[in-house]
Amino acid sequence: MSGWWEDEPNGSKAVGLLLRLSALILALASAVMMATADDCAIAGATPPTAVTYRDYGAFVYLVWANVAATVLQAAAVYLQLSGAGGDDDDDGGSQVPGVVLVVVDVLAQALLYSSTGAAYGCGKVGVDVCVAFGEQVGRSKLLSFGASVSLGLAAVVKDVSLPFNVWPGSSD
């Protein structure tokens, strides 16, 4: 079984893994940040109205898409660490894990890009009435955008050969 710790230069594998992990963390942070954005009550409204992320379909989509992308990236990290998607064509092993890794990457990118775009399409929410709500929504959008960029870079880096080793080889 091949893994990412072999003796050949593996810089792109290590950088890709770091970018996948950062996408996972940023997507999870974005989902949590948006899901907790509900501390706004509009004063003077009849009847008293509370504003939450659930009032906006794009924000609900952002939460669920980021949760799904987090799960997909956890699976991608597992597949990458188990050696799926490697460059070894002569090992005679199954190509299924590599194909699954590509499908997981495409699904996660589609979810992150579409949900981030939908959230930014809502404009500035709560700026005049609910400043804290608007700031929390803004931070969640930025985290989701960061996850999108990180995952896009991970897709690019996996096809670029970086000429350094991260894991030390054998000392003999």
Protein backbone atom coordinates (compact mmCIF):
# COMPACT_ATOMS: atom_id res chain seq x y z
CA MET A 1 0.00 0.00 0.00
CA SER A 2 1.43 3.34 -0.98
CA GLY A 3 1.14 6.42 1.20
CA TRP A 4 2.10 10.07 1.18
CA TRP A 5 5.28 9.44 3.20
CA GLU A 6 7.36 7.75 0.50
CA ASP A 7 10.91 8.74 -0.47
CA GLU A 8 10.06 10.62 -3.68
CA PRO A 9 9.53 14.38 -3.42
CA ASN A 10 6.13 14.80 -1.83
CA GLY A 11 5.83 18.53 -1.30
CA SER A 12 2.64 18.80 -3.33
CA LYS A 13 1.04 15.99 -1.32
CA ALA A 14 1.87 17.67 1.98
CA VAL A 15 0.77 21.12 0.81
CA GLY A 16 -2.42 19.61 -0.64
CA LEU A 17 -3.13 17.91 2.68
CA LEU A 18 -2.62 21.17 4.58
CA LEU A 19 -4.94 23.00 2.17
CA ARG A 20 -7.59 20.27 2.55
CA LEU A 21 -7.36 20.51 6.33
CA SER A 22 -7.62 24.30 6.21
CA ALA A 23 -10.68 24.03 3.93
CA LEU A 24 -12.23 21.58 6.38
CA ILE A 25 -11.60 23.87 9.37
CA LEU A 26 -12.73 27.04 7.57
CA ALA A 27 -15.93 25.43 6.27
CA LEU A 28 -16.78 24.11 9.72
CA ALA A 29 -16.05 27.48 11.32
CA SER A 30 -18.22 29.22 8.73
CA ALA A 31 -21.14 26.86 9.37
CA VAL A 32 -20.88 27.30 13.14
CA MET A 33 -20.52 31.07 12.82
CA MET A 34 -23.61 31.34 10.62
CA ALA A 35 -25.67 28.89 12.68
CA THR A 36 -25.07 30.96 15.80
CA ALA A 37 -25.96 34.26 14.10
CA ASP A 38 -29.31 34.87 15.76
CA ASP A 39 -28.74 37.50 18.43
CA CYS A 40 -30.84 40.24 16.90
CA ALA A 41 -34.22 41.55 17.93
CA ILE A 42 -35.65 44.46 15.98
CA ALA A 43 -36.71 47.03 18.55
CA GLY A 44 -39.94 48.86 17.93
CA ALA A 45 -41.30 46.31 15.47
CA THR A 46 -44.91 45.25 15.93
CA PRO A 47 -44.98 42.37 16.71
CA PRO A 48 -41.46 42.08 18.15
CA THR A 49 -39.31 40.40 15.51
CA ALA A 50 -36.15 38.36 15.95
CA VAL A 51 -33.82 37.96 12.98
CA THR A 52 -31.91 34.70 12.49
CA TYR A 53 -29.97 33.12 9.67
CA ARG A 54 -33.02 30.87 9.07
CA ASP A 55 -34.88 33.89 7.70
CA TYR A 56 -32.64 33.87 4.63
CA GLY A 57 -32.58 30.82 2.35
CA ALA A 58 -29.04 31.57 1.15
CA PHE A 59 -27.74 31.51 4.72
CA VAL A 60 -29.46 28.20 5.47
CA TYR A 61 -27.89 26.83 2.29
CA LEU A 62 -24.50 28.18 3.38
CA VAL A 63 -24.73 26.33 6.70
CA TRP A 64 -25.74 22.98 5.21
CA ALA A 65 -23.37 23.23 2.25
CA ASN A 66 -20.45 24.01 4.57
CA VAL A 67 -21.36 21.10 6.83
CA ALA A 68 -21.53 18.79 3.81
CA ALA A 69 -18.21 20.15 2.48
CA THR A 70 -16.65 19.54 5.91
CA VAL A 71 -17.75 15.89 5.84
CA LEU A 72 -16.56 15.52 2.25
CA GLN A 73 -13.17 17.02 3.09
CA ALA A 74 -12.80 14.70 6.07
CA ALA A 75 -13.36 11.81 3.66
CA ALA A 76 -10.87 13.34 1.20
CA VAL A 77 -8.23 13.68 3.91
CA TYR A 78 -8.75 10.03 4.84
CA LEU A 79 -8.50 8.96 1.19
CA GLN A 80 -5.36 11.03 0.65
CA LEU A 81 -3.67 9.65 3.75
CA SER A 82 -4.58 6.10 2.77
CA GLY A 83 -2.80 6.56 -0.55
CA ALA A 84 -5.77 7.09 -2.90
CA GLY A 85 -5.20 9.30 -5.89
CA GLY A 86 -1.47 8.56 -5.96
CA ASP A 87 0.65 8.72 -9.07
CA ASP A 88 1.46 5.01 -9.10
CA ASP A 89 0.03 3.47 -12.28
CA ASP A 90 2.08 0.28 -12.10
CA ASP A 91 0.92 -1.03 -8.72
CA GLY A 92 -2.05 -2.92 -10.21
CA GLY A 93 -4.37 -1.66 -7.49
CA SER A 94 -7.90 -0.45 -7.87
CA GLN A 95 -8.52 3.00 -9.34
CA VAL A 96 -11.80 3.39 -7.42
CA PRO A 97 -10.37 5.31 -4.41
CA GLY A 98 -8.71 7.81 -6.77
CA VAL A 99 -11.96 8.32 -8.67
CA VAL A 100 -13.86 8.74 -5.40
CA LEU A 101 -11.31 11.37 -4.32
CA VAL A 102 -11.89 13.34 -7.53
CA VAL A 103 -15.68 13.12 -7.13
CA VAL A 104 -15.44 14.24 -3.49
CA ASP A 105 -13.28 17.21 -4.53
CA VAL A 106 -15.72 18.27 -7.25
CA LEU A 107 -18.75 17.97 -4.96
CA ALA A 108 -17.10 19.94 -2.16
CA GLN A 109 -15.99 22.68 -4.54
CA ALA A 110 -19.47 22.94 -6.07
CA LEU A 111 -21.08 23.19 -2.63
CA LEU A 112 -18.63 25.77 -1.31
CA TYR A 113 -18.59 27.99 -4.40
CA SER A 114 -22.37 27.98 -4.87
CA SER A 115 -23.20 28.58 -1.21
CA THR A 116 -20.63 31.34 -0.84
CA GLY A 117 -21.92 33.03 -3.98
CA ALA A 118 -25.52 32.76 -2.77
CA ALA A 119 -24.59 34.24 0.62
CA TYR A 120 -22.75 37.15 -0.99
CA GLY A 121 -25.77 37.64 -3.27
CA CYS A 122 -27.91 38.55 -0.26
CA GLY A 123 -26.02 41.81 0.11
CA LYS A 124 -25.45 43.50 3.44
CA VAL A 125 -27.84 42.04 5.97
CA GLY A 126 -28.55 43.66 9.29
CA VAL A 127 -26.15 46.55 8.86
CA ASP A 128 -28.61 49.25 9.87
CA VAL A 129 -30.78 47.38 12.35
CA CYS A 130 -28.74 44.47 13.70
CA VAL A 131 -25.08 45.37 13.58
CA ALA A 132 -23.86 42.31 15.53
CA PHE A 133 -25.89 39.97 13.31
CA GLY A 134 -24.52 41.62 10.16
CA GLU A 135 -20.94 41.38 11.39
CA GLN A 136 -21.32 37.70 12.27
CA VAL A 137 -22.85 36.98 8.86
CA GLY A 138 -19.98 38.85 7.21
CA ARG A 139 -17.38 36.82 9.09
CA SER A 140 -19.14 33.59 8.13
CA LYS A 141 -19.12 34.61 4.46
CA LEU A 142 -15.39 35.35 4.63
CA LEU A 143 -14.65 32.00 6.26
CA SER A 144 -16.66 30.22 3.57
CA PHE A 145 -14.82 32.16 0.87
CA GLY A 146 -11.51 31.17 2.48
CA ALA A 147 -12.58 27.51 2.45
CA SER A 148 -13.49 27.83 -1.23
CA VAL A 149 -10.12 29.33 -2.11
CA SER A 150 -8.24 26.78 -0.01
CA LEU A 151 -10.03 23.88 -1.68
CA GLY A 152 -9.43 25.35 -5.14
CA LEU A 153 -5.73 25.69 -4.37
CA ALA A 154 -5.64 22.10 -3.10
CA ALA A 155 -7.01 20.95 -6.45
CA VAL A 156 -4.32 22.88 -8.29
CA VAL A 157 -1.46 21.84 -6.01
CA LYS A 158 -2.19 18.13 -6.35
CA ASP A 159 -1.27 18.35 -10.05
CA VAL A 160 1.89 20.42 -9.50
CA SER A 161 5.12 18.73 -8.50
CA LEU A 162 6.82 20.55 -5.64
CA PRO A 163 10.47 19.48 -5.36
CA PHE A 164 10.83 18.99 -1.61
CA ASN A 165 10.21 16.30 0.97
CA VAL A 166 8.26 16.95 4.10
CA TRP A 167 8.44 13.52 5.67
CA PRO A 168 12.02 12.40 6.27
CA GLY A 169 13.19 9.39 4.31
CA SER A 170 15.10 6.48 5.73
CA SER A 171 18.52 7.30 7.14
CA ASP A 172 20.40 4.39 5.54
